[in-house]
Amino acid sequence: MADGPVTETYGLDTGRVIAVLNDVVATEVVCWLRYTRHAISATGIDRAQVAAEFTEHAAEEMQHALRAAERLSQLGGEPDFDPATLARRAHTDYTTRRLIESILEEEEEHADDLTDLLAV
């Protein structure tokens, strides 16, 4: 328990996992900014519905960033919220993979929602 999440059996390069998580943080922050911008600049008769959808997605993106930042902090890293630090992707451990898979699931849901809005 005193070792926290990084025990002898962890088996991965913690520095590499932290780097991947920082990439996730940067990506999610950029997505949050984009969705927020789209919510603010939505126009037309369906503006309220479109803005609400973008606002919902923006909130989920920020939660993704915060979840990834919390995990990398647990692993002893420092969250880097500068989107300019986005680097190449790497494979992650099981817990981090589940986190990223859950984020991907929500991203796919966002794409479906936007496709539905555009089809109207």
Protein backbone atom coordinates (compact mmCIF):
# COMPACT_ATOMS: atom_id res chain seq x y z
CA MET A 1 0.00 0.00 0.00
CA ALA A 2 2.84 2.40 0.79
CA ASP A 3 4.14 2.04 -2.79
CA GLY A 4 0.90 3.35 -4.25
CA PRO A 5 0.00 2.33 -7.82
CA VAL A 6 3.61 1.70 -8.87
CA THR A 7 4.60 -1.59 -7.23
CA GLU A 8 7.25 -4.14 -8.16
CA THR A 9 4.67 -6.02 -10.24
CA TYR A 10 3.64 -2.92 -12.23
CA GLY A 11 6.02 -4.02 -14.96
CA LEU A 12 5.92 -0.98 -17.22
CA ASP A 13 8.09 2.03 -17.87
CA THR A 14 6.25 4.56 -15.73
CA GLY A 15 7.88 7.46 -17.57
CA ARG A 16 6.50 6.22 -20.87
CA VAL A 17 2.99 5.75 -19.43
CA ILE A 18 3.14 9.28 -18.00
CA ALA A 19 4.19 10.61 -21.43
CA VAL A 20 1.24 8.86 -23.10
CA LEU A 21 -1.15 10.19 -20.48
CA ASN A 22 0.20 13.71 -21.00
CA ASP A 23 -0.55 13.26 -24.72
CA VAL A 24 -4.09 12.28 -23.76
CA VAL A 25 -4.39 15.35 -21.51
CA ALA A 26 -3.19 17.66 -24.29
CA THR A 27 -5.52 16.09 -26.84
CA GLU A 28 -8.55 16.28 -24.55
CA VAL A 29 -7.84 19.92 -23.64
CA VAL A 30 -7.70 20.83 -27.34
CA CYS A 31 -10.99 18.97 -27.93
CA TRP A 32 -12.57 20.76 -24.96
CA LEU A 33 -11.53 24.10 -26.45
CA ARG A 34 -12.88 23.19 -29.89
CA TYR A 35 -16.24 21.99 -28.59
CA THR A 36 -16.52 25.10 -26.40
CA ARG A 37 -15.81 27.33 -29.38
CA HIS A 38 -18.43 25.53 -31.48
CA ALA A 39 -21.00 25.86 -28.68
CA ILE A 40 -20.39 29.58 -28.43
CA SER A 41 -20.47 30.24 -32.17
CA ALA A 42 -23.45 28.02 -33.08
CA THR A 43 -26.06 29.87 -35.12
CA GLY A 44 -29.38 29.22 -36.79
CA ILE A 45 -32.80 28.06 -35.77
CA ASP A 46 -31.43 24.98 -33.97
CA ARG A 47 -28.72 26.98 -32.20
CA ALA A 48 -29.88 26.04 -28.68
CA GLN A 49 -29.91 22.31 -29.42
CA VAL A 50 -26.56 22.39 -31.24
CA ALA A 51 -24.93 24.57 -28.56
CA ALA A 52 -26.23 22.26 -25.83
CA GLU A 53 -24.77 19.22 -27.59
CA PHE A 54 -21.38 20.88 -28.02
CA THR A 55 -21.46 22.07 -24.41
CA GLU A 56 -22.16 18.52 -23.22
CA HIS A 57 -19.27 17.19 -25.31
CA ALA A 58 -16.96 19.92 -24.04
CA ALA A 59 -17.72 18.97 -20.44
CA GLU A 60 -16.98 15.31 -21.18
CA GLU A 61 -13.69 16.23 -22.89
CA MET A 62 -12.62 18.20 -19.83
CA GLN A 63 -13.50 15.24 -17.62
CA HIS A 64 -11.39 13.02 -19.89
CA ALA A 65 -8.45 15.39 -19.44
CA LEU A 66 -8.91 15.50 -15.68
CA ARG A 67 -9.18 11.70 -15.41
CA ALA A 68 -5.98 11.22 -17.42
CA ALA A 69 -4.23 13.95 -15.40
CA GLU A 70 -5.29 12.32 -12.14
CA ARG A 71 -3.97 8.94 -13.30
CA LEU A 72 -0.60 10.33 -14.33
CA SER A 73 -0.37 12.18 -11.02
CA GLN A 74 -1.05 8.86 -9.25
CA LEU A 75 1.87 7.40 -11.19
CA GLY A 76 4.15 10.20 -9.96
CA GLY A 77 3.99 12.44 -13.04
CA GLU A 78 3.15 16.09 -13.49
CA PRO A 79 0.13 16.86 -15.70
CA ASP A 80 1.13 19.03 -18.66
CA PHE A 81 -1.85 21.08 -19.80
CA ASP A 82 0.05 22.70 -22.68
CA PRO A 83 -1.46 21.33 -25.94
CA ALA A 84 1.85 22.06 -27.71
CA THR A 85 3.38 19.07 -25.86
CA LEU A 86 1.29 16.51 -27.76
CA ALA A 87 3.68 13.75 -28.91
CA ARG A 88 3.50 10.30 -30.42
CA ARG A 89 1.25 7.64 -28.91
CA ALA A 90 2.43 4.53 -27.09
CA HIS A 91 0.83 1.37 -25.64
CA THR A 92 -0.28 1.61 -22.04
CA ASP A 93 -0.91 -0.68 -19.11
CA TYR A 94 -4.25 -2.35 -18.43
CA THR A 95 -5.70 0.34 -16.12
CA THR A 96 -4.67 3.17 -18.43
CA ARG A 97 -5.89 1.24 -21.48
CA ARG A 98 -9.34 0.87 -19.88
CA LEU A 99 -9.34 4.61 -19.18
CA ILE A 100 -8.44 5.46 -22.76
CA GLU A 101 -10.92 2.91 -24.14
CA SER A 102 -13.70 4.51 -22.10
CA ILE A 103 -12.68 7.93 -23.45
CA LEU A 104 -12.71 6.52 -27.01
CA GLU A 105 -16.19 5.12 -26.43
CA GLU A 106 -17.45 8.59 -25.51
CA GLU A 107 -15.63 10.10 -28.50
CA GLU A 108 -17.44 7.67 -30.81
CA GLU A 109 -20.72 8.67 -29.16
CA HIS A 110 -19.86 12.32 -29.88
CA ALA A 111 -19.29 11.49 -33.54
CA ASP A 112 -22.66 9.72 -33.72
CA ASP A 113 -24.41 12.67 -32.08
CA LEU A 114 -22.82 15.13 -34.52
CA THR A 115 -23.68 12.93 -37.49
CA ASP A 116 -27.30 12.91 -36.33
CA LEU A 117 -27.31 16.70 -36.01
CA LEU A 118 -25.87 17.15 -39.48
CA ALA A 119 -28.44 14.79 -41.01
CA VAL A 120 -31.35 16.98 -39.89
